[in-house]
Amino acid sequence: MRITNAMMVNNLKYTLGQNMNRLDKLQNQLATGHRINRPSDDPTGIVNTLRYKSTITESEKYLQNISGARNFLNSTDSALGNVTEIIHRADELIVQGLTDSNSQQSREALAAEMRQLREQIVVIANTTFGSKHIFGGTNITQGPLQTDPTAAWIGNDQTMELEIGVGATIATNSTMEEVFFNGDPDNPGLYQLLENIATHLENGDTAGLNNDLTLIQGKLDAVSEERAIIGAKVNRLDLQENRLENSTINYEELLSINQDADIAQVILNLKMQENVYRASLSAGARIIQPSLVDFLS
């Protein structure tokens, strides 16, 4: 087979092109710090890279949800803590009202404080976290306990579920209608119960106050039970957060192993490839120069 000048030139061009491609790949690796910069660099590796990045992004979304859920639950627990304080104070006022030595003026003073506690219950029932009313169920845009023109509960008992993992959700809200505004006259919510207590204090109604003690204890039990549930939810969030954080660290390590370049090795390979490229240019010059001379002669 006869080797022509054109064949040698074409072979030289192909070799130089290959060497330039290798140089470009190594320079990109050095610039980005990644060994995979385009799908052709490693088709299997790019699939793994995309999968790892997707998993990390998903975990970060769940971690944000967990943080938001924890803050919402802590806000709810704080509000219920205030309810607990009001109930304890109401209990103390009832006990004082049961004392035989109270004058009418004293009973009226106790009743006045009781009604102030009632007003504070309205404030707590309409507590917001950000712009969301925390006790209104899925009706988060309006305060659930309305008092004007008449008292009414406009919340619902629906739960708000938040995703905290693949196939894992948690209810973030507490539906406390029974505590704040139960329509049962034999077991009213705190809004009506505190008004009843104030009336019993004013009238010196011992039988009514004794019954109020039982009812107020029931509200305390309900609030304590809900706070225990909130505590359990926060513990669950902590466990899920730790699991996701550990998983994210593992996937970040896998991503680094899969896509990050060994910079020291890249620099070494780049120097070697530059030498190869220069050698190719030098060899090409020796091939092309005689061919031009021969052509001119």
C-alpha atoms as a PDB file:
ATOM      1  CA  MET A   1       0.000   0.000   0.000  1.00  0.00           C
ATOM      2  CA  ARG A   2       1.420   3.364  -1.029  1.00  0.00           C
ATOM      3  CA  ILE A   3       1.502   5.991   1.736  1.00  0.00           C
ATOM      4  CA  THR A   4       0.764   9.386   0.236  1.00  0.00           C
ATOM      5  CA  ASN A   5       1.480  12.812   1.668  1.00  0.00           C
ATOM      6  CA  ALA A   6      -2.246  13.446   1.995  1.00  0.00           C
ATOM      7  CA  MET A   7      -2.628  10.311   4.093  1.00  0.00           C
ATOM      8  CA  MET A   8       0.175  11.396   6.402  1.00  0.00           C
ATOM      9  CA  VAL A   9      -1.290  14.882   6.769  1.00  0.00           C
ATOM     10  CA  ASN A  10      -4.762  13.518   7.526  1.00  0.00           C
ATOM     11  CA  ASN A  11      -3.328  11.117  10.076  1.00  0.00           C
ATOM     12  CA  LEU A  12      -1.415  13.997  11.657  1.00  0.00           C
ATOM     13  CA  LYS A  13      -4.583  16.120  11.827  1.00  0.00           C
ATOM     14  CA  TYR A  14      -6.489  13.244  13.450  1.00  0.00           C
ATOM     15  CA  THR A  15      -3.725  12.651  16.018  1.00  0.00           C
ATOM     16  CA  LEU A  16      -3.477  16.354  16.860  1.00  0.00           C
ATOM     17  CA  GLY A  17      -7.263  16.540  17.210  1.00  0.00           C
ATOM     18  CA  GLN A  18      -7.304  13.600  19.618  1.00  0.00           C
ATOM     19  CA  ASN A  19      -4.523  15.138  21.672  1.00  0.00           C
ATOM     20  CA  MET A  20      -6.341  18.485  21.787  1.00  0.00           C
ATOM     21  CA  ASN A  21      -9.529  16.748  22.951  1.00  0.00           C
ATOM     22  CA  ARG A  22      -7.621  15.068  25.771  1.00  0.00           C
ATOM     23  CA  LEU A  23      -6.052  18.412  26.714  1.00  0.00           C
ATOM     24  CA  ASP A  24      -9.475  20.079  26.694  1.00  0.00           C
ATOM     25  CA  LYS A  25     -10.947  17.344  28.899  1.00  0.00           C
ATOM     26  CA  LEU A  26      -8.116  17.622  31.426  1.00  0.00           C
ATOM     27  CA  GLN A  27      -8.278  21.438  31.438  1.00  0.00           C
ATOM     28  CA  ASN A  28     -12.031  21.257  32.113  1.00  0.00           C
ATOM     29  CA  GLN A  29     -11.433  18.813  34.963  1.00  0.00           C
ATOM     30  CA  LEU A  30      -8.859  21.164  36.455  1.00  0.00           C
ATOM     31  CA  ALA A  31     -11.153  24.197  36.068  1.00  0.00           C
ATOM     32  CA  THR A  32     -14.300  22.567  37.495  1.00  0.00           C
ATOM     33  CA  GLY A  33     -12.769  20.086  39.909  1.00  0.00           C
ATOM     34  CA  HIS A  34     -15.019  17.411  38.389  1.00  0.00           C
ATOM     35  CA  ARG A  35     -13.971  14.407  36.378  1.00  0.00           C
ATOM     36  CA  ILE A  36     -17.400  14.317  34.672  1.00  0.00           C
ATOM     37  CA  ASN A  37     -18.345  17.504  32.840  1.00  0.00           C
ATOM     38  CA  ARG A  38     -20.403  16.081  29.986  1.00  0.00           C
ATOM     39  CA  PRO A  39     -22.326  12.814  29.525  1.00  0.00           C
ATOM     40  CA  SER A  40     -19.714  11.424  27.145  1.00  0.00           C
ATOM     41  CA  ASP A  41     -17.062  11.610  29.883  1.00  0.00           C
ATOM     42  CA  ASP A  42     -18.715   8.713  31.746  1.00  0.00           C
ATOM     43  CA  PRO A  43     -22.300   7.728  30.755  1.00  0.00           C
ATOM     44  CA  THR A  44     -22.780   5.492  33.789  1.00  0.00           C
ATOM     45  CA  GLY A  45     -21.165   8.012  36.093  1.00  0.00           C
ATOM     46  CA  ILE A  46     -23.411  10.849  34.897  1.00  0.00           C
ATOM     47  CA  VAL A  47     -26.493   8.729  35.651  1.00  0.00           C
ATOM     48  CA  ASN A  48     -25.215   8.100  39.181  1.00  0.00           C
ATOM     49  CA  THR A  49     -24.354  11.782  39.600  1.00  0.00           C
ATOM     50  CA  LEU A  50     -27.882  12.846  38.643  1.00  0.00           C
ATOM     51  CA  ARG A  51     -29.384  10.223  40.959  1.00  0.00           C
ATOM     52  CA  TYR A  52     -27.233  11.293  43.907  1.00  0.00           C
ATOM     53  CA  LYS A  53     -27.990  14.986  43.313  1.00  0.00           C
ATOM     54  CA  SER A  54     -31.724  14.257  43.083  1.00  0.00           C
ATOM     55  CA  THR A  55     -31.651  12.322  46.357  1.00  0.00           C
ATOM     56  CA  ILE A  56     -29.714  15.105  48.107  1.00  0.00           C
ATOM     57  CA  THR A  57     -32.139  17.763  46.811  1.00  0.00           C
ATOM     58  CA  GLU A  58     -35.102  15.686  47.974  1.00  0.00           C
ATOM     59  CA  SER A  59     -33.566  15.219  51.423  1.00  0.00           C
ATOM     60  CA  GLU A  60     -32.923  18.957  51.711  1.00  0.00           C
ATOM     61  CA  LYS A  61     -36.601  19.595  50.920  1.00  0.00           C
ATOM     62  CA  TYR A  62     -37.654  17.159  53.647  1.00  0.00           C
ATOM     63  CA  LEU A  63     -35.229  18.780  56.092  1.00  0.00           C
ATOM     64  CA  GLN A  64     -36.806  22.169  55.376  1.00  0.00           C
ATOM     65  CA  ASN A  65     -40.246  20.658  56.018  1.00  0.00           C
ATOM     66  CA  ILE A  66     -39.011  19.172  59.292  1.00  0.00           C
ATOM     67  CA  SER A  67     -37.664  22.532  60.422  1.00  0.00           C
ATOM     68  CA  GLY A  68     -40.952  24.230  59.563  1.00  0.00           C
ATOM     69  CA  ALA A  69     -42.996  21.508  61.272  1.00  0.00           C
ATOM     70  CA  ARG A  70     -40.864  21.703  64.415  1.00  0.00           C
ATOM     71  CA  ASN A  71     -41.270  25.476  64.613  1.00  0.00           C
ATOM     72  CA  PHE A  72     -45.035  25.146  64.115  1.00  0.00           C
ATOM     73  CA  LEU A  73     -45.302  22.486  66.820  1.00  0.00           C
ATOM     74  CA  ASN A  74     -43.138  24.478  69.231  1.00  0.00           C
ATOM     75  CA  SER A  75     -45.356  27.510  68.665  1.00  0.00           C
ATOM     76  CA  THR A  76     -48.411  25.360  69.389  1.00  0.00           C
ATOM     77  CA  ASP A  77     -46.842  23.947  72.539  1.00  0.00           C
ATOM     78  CA  SER A  78     -45.965  27.454  73.725  1.00  0.00           C
ATOM     79  CA  ALA A  79     -49.572  28.569  73.221  1.00  0.00           C
ATOM     80  CA  LEU A  80     -50.873  25.528  75.092  1.00  0.00           C
ATOM     81  CA  GLY A  81     -48.378  26.296  77.843  1.00  0.00           C
ATOM     82  CA  ASN A  82     -50.091  29.663  78.211  1.00  0.00           C
ATOM     83  CA  VAL A  83     -53.457  27.889  78.360  1.00  0.00           C
ATOM     84  CA  THR A  84     -52.074  25.696  81.134  1.00  0.00           C
ATOM     85  CA  GLU A  85     -51.078  28.789  83.118  1.00  0.00           C
ATOM     86  CA  ILE A  86     -54.567  30.244  82.691  1.00  0.00           C
ATOM     87  CA  ILE A  87     -56.180  27.010  83.854  1.00  0.00           C
ATOM     88  CA  HIS A  88     -53.958  26.890  86.934  1.00  0.00           C
ATOM     89  CA  ARG A  89     -54.849  30.480  87.756  1.00  0.00           C
ATOM     90  CA  ALA A  90     -58.552  29.794  87.213  1.00  0.00           C
ATOM     91  CA  ASP A  91     -58.276  26.837  89.567  1.00  0.00           C
ATOM     92  CA  GLU A  92     -56.691  29.070  92.224  1.00  0.00           C
ATOM     93  CA  LEU A  93     -59.467  31.640  91.846  1.00  0.00           C
ATOM     94  CA  ILE A  94     -62.132  28.947  92.213  1.00  0.00           C
ATOM     95  CA  VAL A  95     -60.506  27.702  95.423  1.00  0.00           C
ATOM     96  CA  GLN A  96     -60.392  31.272  96.741  1.00  0.00           C
ATOM     97  CA  GLY A  97     -64.041  31.704  95.804  1.00  0.00           C
ATOM     98  CA  LEU A  98     -65.005  28.647  97.825  1.00  0.00           C
ATOM     99  CA  THR A  99     -63.742  30.319 101.004  1.00  0.00           C
ATOM    100  CA  ASP A 100     -66.676  31.264 103.252  1.00  0.00           C
ATOM    101  CA  SER A 101     -65.090  34.533 104.396  1.00  0.00           C
ATOM    102  CA  ASN A 102     -65.255  36.198 100.949  1.00  0.00           C
ATOM    103  CA  SER A 103     -67.198  39.448 100.807  1.00  0.00           C
ATOM    104  CA  GLN A 104     -69.290  40.361  97.778  1.00  0.00           C
ATOM    105  CA  GLN A 105     -66.583  42.803  96.752  1.00  0.00           C
ATOM    106  CA  SER A 106     -63.952  40.043  96.946  1.00  0.00           C
ATOM    107  CA  ARG A 107     -66.103  37.696  94.875  1.00  0.00           C
ATOM    108  CA  GLU A 108     -66.608  40.383  92.236  1.00  0.00           C
ATOM    109  CA  ALA A 109     -62.862  41.014  92.099  1.00  0.00           C
ATOM    110  CA  LEU A 110     -62.270  37.283  91.554  1.00  0.00           C
ATOM    111  CA  ALA A 111     -64.935  37.267  88.834  1.00  0.00           C
ATOM    112  CA  ALA A 112     -63.339  40.268  87.120  1.00  0.00           C
ATOM    113  CA  GLU A 113     -59.974  38.516  86.971  1.00  0.00           C
ATOM    114  CA  MET A 114     -61.665  35.374  85.664  1.00  0.00           C
ATOM    115  CA  ARG A 115     -63.153  37.369  82.789  1.00  0.00           C
ATOM    116  CA  GLN A 116     -59.714  38.763  81.986  1.00  0.00           C
ATOM    117  CA  LEU A 117     -58.460  35.190  81.748  1.00  0.00           C
ATOM    118  CA  ARG A 118     -61.349  34.502  79.389  1.00  0.00           C
ATOM    119  CA  GLU A 119     -60.283  37.374  77.132  1.00  0.00           C
ATOM    120  CA  GLN A 120     -56.771  35.965  77.045  1.00  0.00           C
ATOM    121  CA  ILE A 121     -58.156  32.576  76.004  1.00  0.00           C
ATOM    122  CA  VAL A 122     -59.581  34.277  72.902  1.00  0.00           C
ATOM    123  CA  VAL A 123     -56.135  35.668  72.086  1.00  0.00           C
ATOM    124  CA  ILE A 124     -54.485  32.269  72.517  1.00  0.00           C
ATOM    125  CA  ALA A 125     -57.148  30.407  70.525  1.00  0.00           C
ATOM    126  CA  ASN A 126     -56.417  32.783  67.629  1.00  0.00           C
ATOM    127  CA  THR A 127     -52.626  32.441  67.874  1.00  0.00           C
ATOM    128  CA  THR A 128     -50.804  32.579  64.542  1.00  0.00           C
ATOM    129  CA  PHE A 129     -47.535  31.110  63.324  1.00  0.00           C
ATOM    130  CA  GLY A 130     -46.447  33.404  60.552  1.00  0.00           C
ATOM    131  CA  SER A 131     -49.750  34.065  58.834  1.00  0.00           C
ATOM    132  CA  LYS A 132     -51.353  30.733  59.802  1.00  0.00           C
ATOM    133  CA  HIS A 133     -53.841  30.327  62.650  1.00  0.00           C
ATOM    134  CA  ILE A 134     -52.554  27.262  64.470  1.00  0.00           C
ATOM    135  CA  PHE A 135     -55.786  26.016  66.065  1.00  0.00           C
ATOM    136  CA  GLY A 136     -58.171  26.456  63.119  1.00  0.00           C
ATOM    137  CA  GLY A 137     -57.566  23.108  61.440  1.00  0.00           C
ATOM    138  CA  THR A 138     -57.199  23.669  57.706  1.00  0.00           C
ATOM    139  CA  ASN A 139     -58.922  27.061  58.028  1.00  0.00           C
ATOM    140  CA  ILE A 140     -55.684  28.926  58.623  1.00  0.00           C
ATOM    141  CA  THR A 141     -56.695  32.340  57.289  1.00  0.00           C
ATOM    142  CA  GLN A 142     -59.184  33.282  60.036  1.00  0.00           C
ATOM    143  CA  GLY A 143     -59.050  33.169  63.796  1.00  0.00           C
ATOM    144  CA  PRO A 144     -61.113  30.118  64.782  1.00  0.00           C
ATOM    145  CA  LEU A 145     -62.683  31.699  67.883  1.00  0.00           C
ATOM    146  CA  GLN A 146     -64.916  34.575  66.836  1.00  0.00           C
ATOM    147  CA  THR A 147     -66.683  36.711  69.464  1.00  0.00           C
ATOM    148  CA  ASP A 148     -68.314  39.447  67.393  1.00  0.00           C
ATOM    149  CA  PRO A 149     -71.251  39.723  66.996  1.00  0.00           C
ATOM    150  CA  THR A 150     -71.759  36.359  68.702  1.00  0.00           C
ATOM    151  CA  ALA A 151     -69.340  33.722  69.907  1.00  0.00           C
ATOM    152  CA  ALA A 152     -68.628  31.006  67.347  1.00  0.00           C
ATOM    153  CA  TRP A 153     -65.930  28.508  66.414  1.00  0.00           C
ATOM    154  CA  ILE A 154     -65.219  28.672  62.682  1.00  0.00           C
ATOM    155  CA  GLY A 155     -62.238  26.327  62.662  1.00  0.00           C
ATOM    156  CA  ASN A 156     -62.467  22.664  61.676  1.00  0.00           C
ATOM    157  CA  ASP A 157     -60.989  19.394  62.889  1.00  0.00           C
ATOM    158  CA  GLN A 158     -58.979  18.648  59.738  1.00  0.00           C
ATOM    159  CA  THR A 159     -55.248  17.992  60.058  1.00  0.00           C
ATOM    160  CA  MET A 160     -52.463  19.508  57.975  1.00  0.00           C
ATOM    161  CA  GLU A 161     -50.026  16.830  56.848  1.00  0.00           C
ATOM    162  CA  LEU A 162     -46.442  17.635  55.914  1.00  0.00           C
ATOM    163  CA  GLU A 163     -44.060  15.301  54.069  1.00  0.00           C
ATOM    164  CA  ILE A 164     -40.926  14.578  56.077  1.00  0.00           C
ATOM    165  CA  GLY A 165     -39.608  11.646  54.049  1.00  0.00           C
ATOM    166  CA  VAL A 166     -40.464   9.232  51.274  1.00  0.00           C
ATOM    167  CA  GLY A 167     -43.939   7.988  52.193  1.00  0.00           C
ATOM    168  CA  ALA A 168     -43.711   9.668  55.625  1.00  0.00           C
ATOM    169  CA  THR A 169     -45.983  12.495  56.770  1.00  0.00           C
ATOM    170  CA  ILE A 170     -46.756  14.185  60.067  1.00  0.00           C
ATOM    171  CA  ALA A 171     -49.769  16.180  61.260  1.00  0.00           C
ATOM    172  CA  THR A 172     -48.492  19.573  62.341  1.00  0.00           C
ATOM    173  CA  ASN A 173     -51.629  21.199  63.734  1.00  0.00           C
ATOM    174  CA  SER A 174     -53.675  20.636  66.885  1.00  0.00           C
ATOM    175  CA  THR A 175     -57.455  20.817  66.670  1.00  0.00           C
ATOM    176  CA  MET A 176     -58.490  22.103  70.095  1.00  0.00           C
ATOM    177  CA  GLU A 177     -62.142  23.051  69.632  1.00  0.00           C
ATOM    178  CA  GLU A 178     -63.211  20.912  72.594  1.00  0.00           C
ATOM    179  CA  VAL A 179     -60.826  22.800  74.874  1.00  0.00           C
ATOM    180  CA  PHE A 180     -61.538  26.315  73.624  1.00  0.00           C
ATOM    181  CA  PHE A 181     -65.157  26.233  72.469  1.00  0.00           C
ATOM    182  CA  ASN A 182     -67.083  23.044  73.100  1.00  0.00           C
ATOM    183  CA  GLY A 183     -70.793  23.551  72.490  1.00  0.00           C
ATOM    184  CA  ASP A 184     -71.854  20.987  75.117  1.00  0.00           C
ATOM    185  CA  PRO A 185     -73.456  22.971  77.994  1.00  0.00           C
ATOM    186  CA  ASP A 186     -72.505  20.205  80.434  1.00  0.00           C
ATOM    187  CA  ASN A 187     -68.862  20.368  79.382  1.00  0.00           C
ATOM    188  CA  PRO A 188     -68.284  23.764  77.745  1.00  0.00           C
ATOM    189  CA  GLY A 189     -65.002  24.963  76.303  1.00  0.00           C
ATOM    190  CA  LEU A 190     -62.844  27.377  78.250  1.00  0.00           C
ATOM    191  CA  TYR A 191     -64.415  30.428  76.625  1.00  0.00           C
ATOM    192  CA  GLN A 192     -67.836  29.646  78.130  1.00  0.00           C
ATOM    193  CA  LEU A 193     -66.540  27.798  81.181  1.00  0.00           C
ATOM    194  CA  LEU A 194     -64.574  30.795  82.455  1.00  0.00           C
ATOM    195  CA  GLU A 195     -67.653  32.981  82.075  1.00  0.00           C
ATOM    196  CA  ASN A 196     -69.687  30.408  84.022  1.00  0.00           C
ATOM    197  CA  ILE A 197     -67.053  30.404  86.757  1.00  0.00           C
ATOM    198  CA  ALA A 198     -67.132  34.221  86.919  1.00  0.00           C
ATOM    199  CA  THR A 199     -70.911  34.114  87.357  1.00  0.00           C
ATOM    200  CA  HIS A 200     -70.646  31.436  90.059  1.00  0.00           C
ATOM    201  CA  LEU A 201     -68.035  33.542  91.868  1.00  0.00           C
ATOM    202  CA  GLU A 202     -70.253  36.611  91.800  1.00  0.00           C
ATOM    203  CA  ASN A 203     -73.223  34.639  93.105  1.00  0.00           C
ATOM    204  CA  GLY A 204     -71.262  32.662  95.694  1.00  0.00           C
ATOM    205  CA  ASP A 205     -72.549  29.460  94.043  1.00  0.00           C
ATOM    206  CA  THR A 206     -70.543  26.815  95.915  1.00  0.00           C
ATOM    207  CA  ALA A 207     -72.114  23.862  94.109  1.00  0.00           C
ATOM    208  CA  GLY A 208     -71.415  25.473  90.753  1.00  0.00           C
ATOM    209  CA  LEU A 209     -67.802  26.218  91.700  1.00  0.00           C
ATOM    210  CA  ASN A 210     -67.213  22.639  92.855  1.00  0.00           C
ATOM    211  CA  ASN A 211     -68.500  21.403  89.502  1.00  0.00           C
ATOM    212  CA  ASP A 212     -66.293  23.988  87.773  1.00  0.00           C
ATOM    213  CA  LEU A 213     -63.254  22.520  89.520  1.00  0.00           C
ATOM    214  CA  THR A 214     -63.993  19.163  87.930  1.00  0.00           C
ATOM    215  CA  LEU A 215     -64.554  20.694  84.492  1.00  0.00           C
ATOM    216  CA  ILE A 216     -61.425  22.854  84.630  1.00  0.00           C
ATOM    217  CA  GLN A 217     -59.375  19.792  85.579  1.00  0.00           C
ATOM    218  CA  GLY A 218     -60.750  18.043  82.504  1.00  0.00           C
ATOM    219  CA  LYS A 219     -59.504  20.896  80.323  1.00  0.00           C
ATOM    220  CA  LEU A 220     -56.097  20.705  81.976  1.00  0.00           C
ATOM    221  CA  ASP A 221     -55.952  16.975  81.259  1.00  0.00           C
ATOM    222  CA  ALA A 222     -56.880  17.564  77.602  1.00  0.00           C
ATOM    223  CA  VAL A 223     -54.218  20.246  77.189  1.00  0.00           C
ATOM    224  CA  SER A 224     -51.580  18.097  78.917  1.00  0.00           C
ATOM    225  CA  GLU A 225     -52.446  15.168  76.651  1.00  0.00           C
ATOM    226  CA  GLU A 226     -52.104  17.328  73.539  1.00  0.00           C
ATOM    227  CA  ARG A 227     -48.763  18.697  74.717  1.00  0.00           C
ATOM    228  CA  ALA A 228     -47.537  15.142  75.249  1.00  0.00           C
ATOM    229  CA  ILE A 229     -48.561  14.325  71.666  1.00  0.00           C
ATOM    230  CA  ILE A 230     -46.706  17.403  70.427  1.00  0.00           C
ATOM    231  CA  GLY A 231     -43.613  16.343  72.366  1.00  0.00           C
ATOM    232  CA  ALA A 232     -43.767  12.898  70.756  1.00  0.00           C
ATOM    233  CA  LYS A 233     -44.063  14.488  67.308  1.00  0.00           C
ATOM    234  CA  VAL A 234     -41.050  16.720  67.931  1.00  0.00           C
ATOM    235  CA  ASN A 235     -39.055  13.667  69.026  1.00  0.00           C
ATOM    236  CA  ARG A 236     -40.063  11.904  65.819  1.00  0.00           C
ATOM    237  CA  LEU A 237     -38.973  14.929  63.795  1.00  0.00           C
ATOM    238  CA  ASP A 238     -35.597  14.910  65.555  1.00  0.00           C
ATOM    239  CA  LEU A 239     -35.094  11.232  64.706  1.00  0.00           C
ATOM    240  CA  GLN A 240     -36.109  11.757  61.082  1.00  0.00           C
ATOM    241  CA  GLU A 241     -33.882  14.818  60.824  1.00  0.00           C
ATOM    242  CA  ASN A 242     -30.866  12.858  62.097  1.00  0.00           C
ATOM    243  CA  ARG A 243     -31.588  10.045  59.642  1.00  0.00           C
ATOM    244  CA  LEU A 244     -31.896  12.430  56.697  1.00  0.00           C
ATOM    245  CA  GLU A 245     -28.769  14.375  57.669  1.00  0.00           C
ATOM    246  CA  ASN A 246     -26.741  11.155  57.879  1.00  0.00           C
ATOM    247  CA  SER A 247     -28.203   9.969  54.575  1.00  0.00           C
ATOM    248  CA  THR A 248     -27.373  13.300  52.942  1.00  0.00           C
ATOM    249  CA  ILE A 249     -23.776  13.105  54.164  1.00  0.00           C
ATOM    250  CA  ASN A 250     -23.474   9.583  52.721  1.00  0.00           C
ATOM    251  CA  TYR A 251     -24.868  10.641  49.346  1.00  0.00           C
ATOM    252  CA  GLU A 252     -22.631  13.714  49.261  1.00  0.00           C
ATOM    253  CA  GLU A 253     -19.642  11.418  49.799  1.00  0.00           C
ATOM    254  CA  LEU A 254     -20.858   9.123  47.005  1.00  0.00           C
ATOM    255  CA  LEU A 255     -21.356  12.151  44.755  1.00  0.00           C
ATOM    256  CA  SER A 256     -17.849  13.371  45.512  1.00  0.00           C
ATOM    257  CA  ILE A 257     -16.334   9.954  44.807  1.00  0.00           C
ATOM    258  CA  ASN A 258     -18.327   9.665  41.593  1.00  0.00           C
ATOM    259  CA  GLN A 259     -17.795  13.124  40.081  1.00  0.00           C
ATOM    260  CA  ASP A 260     -14.844  14.849  41.753  1.00  0.00           C
ATOM    261  CA  ALA A 261     -11.481  14.753  40.061  1.00  0.00           C
ATOM    262  CA  ASP A 262      -8.188  13.851  41.739  1.00  0.00           C
ATOM    263  CA  ILE A 263      -6.602  17.261  41.183  1.00  0.00           C
ATOM    264  CA  ALA A 264      -3.032  16.073  41.742  1.00  0.00           C
ATOM    265  CA  GLN A 265      -3.524  13.296  39.188  1.00  0.00           C
ATOM    266  CA  VAL A 266      -5.238  15.685  36.765  1.00  0.00           C
ATOM    267  CA  ILE A 267      -2.274  18.102  36.924  1.00  0.00           C
ATOM    268  CA  LEU A 268       0.144  15.234  36.308  1.00  0.00           C
ATOM    269  CA  ASN A 269      -1.928  13.949  33.386  1.00  0.00           C
ATOM    270  CA  LEU A 270      -2.238  17.478  31.979  1.00  0.00           C
ATOM    271  CA  LYS A 271       1.547  17.963  32.007  1.00  0.00           C
ATOM    272  CA  MET A 272       2.018  14.596  30.310  1.00  0.00           C
ATOM    273  CA  GLN A 273      -0.634  15.393  27.702  1.00  0.00           C
ATOM    274  CA  GLU A 274       0.942  18.789  26.993  1.00  0.00           C
ATOM    275  CA  ASN A 275       4.244  17.007  26.346  1.00  0.00           C
ATOM    276  CA  VAL A 276       2.493  14.541  24.051  1.00  0.00           C
ATOM    277  CA  TYR A 277       0.815  17.401  22.182  1.00  0.00           C
ATOM    278  CA  ARG A 278       4.097  19.271  21.747  1.00  0.00           C
ATOM    279  CA  ALA A 279       5.758  16.073  20.534  1.00  0.00           C
ATOM    280  CA  SER A 280       2.942  15.598  18.027  1.00  0.00           C
ATOM    281  CA  LEU A 281       3.406  19.145  16.750  1.00  0.00           C
ATOM    282  CA  SER A 282       7.149  18.611  16.436  1.00  0.00           C
ATOM    283  CA  ALA A 283       6.667  15.346  14.552  1.00  0.00           C
ATOM    284  CA  GLY A 284       4.061  16.966  12.349  1.00  0.00           C
ATOM    285  CA  ALA A 285       6.421  19.757  11.412  1.00  0.00           C
ATOM    286  CA  ARG A 286       8.969  17.218  10.216  1.00  0.00           C
ATOM    287  CA  ILE A 287       6.324  15.421   8.169  1.00  0.00           C
ATOM    288  CA  ILE A 288       4.786  18.471   6.528  1.00  0.00           C
ATOM    289  CA  GLN A 289       7.968  20.478   5.768  1.00  0.00           C
ATOM    290  CA  PRO A 290       9.546  17.994   3.284  1.00  0.00           C
ATOM    291  CA  SER A 291       6.197  17.533   1.619  1.00  0.00           C
ATOM    292  CA  LEU A 292       5.953  21.254   0.874  1.00  0.00           C
ATOM    293  CA  VAL A 293       9.529  21.352  -0.404  1.00  0.00           C
ATOM    294  CA  ASP A 294       8.868  18.382  -2.629  1.00  0.00           C
ATOM    295  CA  PHE A 295       5.706  20.007  -3.901  1.00  0.00           C
ATOM    296  CA  LEU A 296       7.460  23.295  -4.697  1.00  0.00           C
ATOM    297  CA  SER A 297      10.335  21.572  -6.434  1.00  0.00           C
END
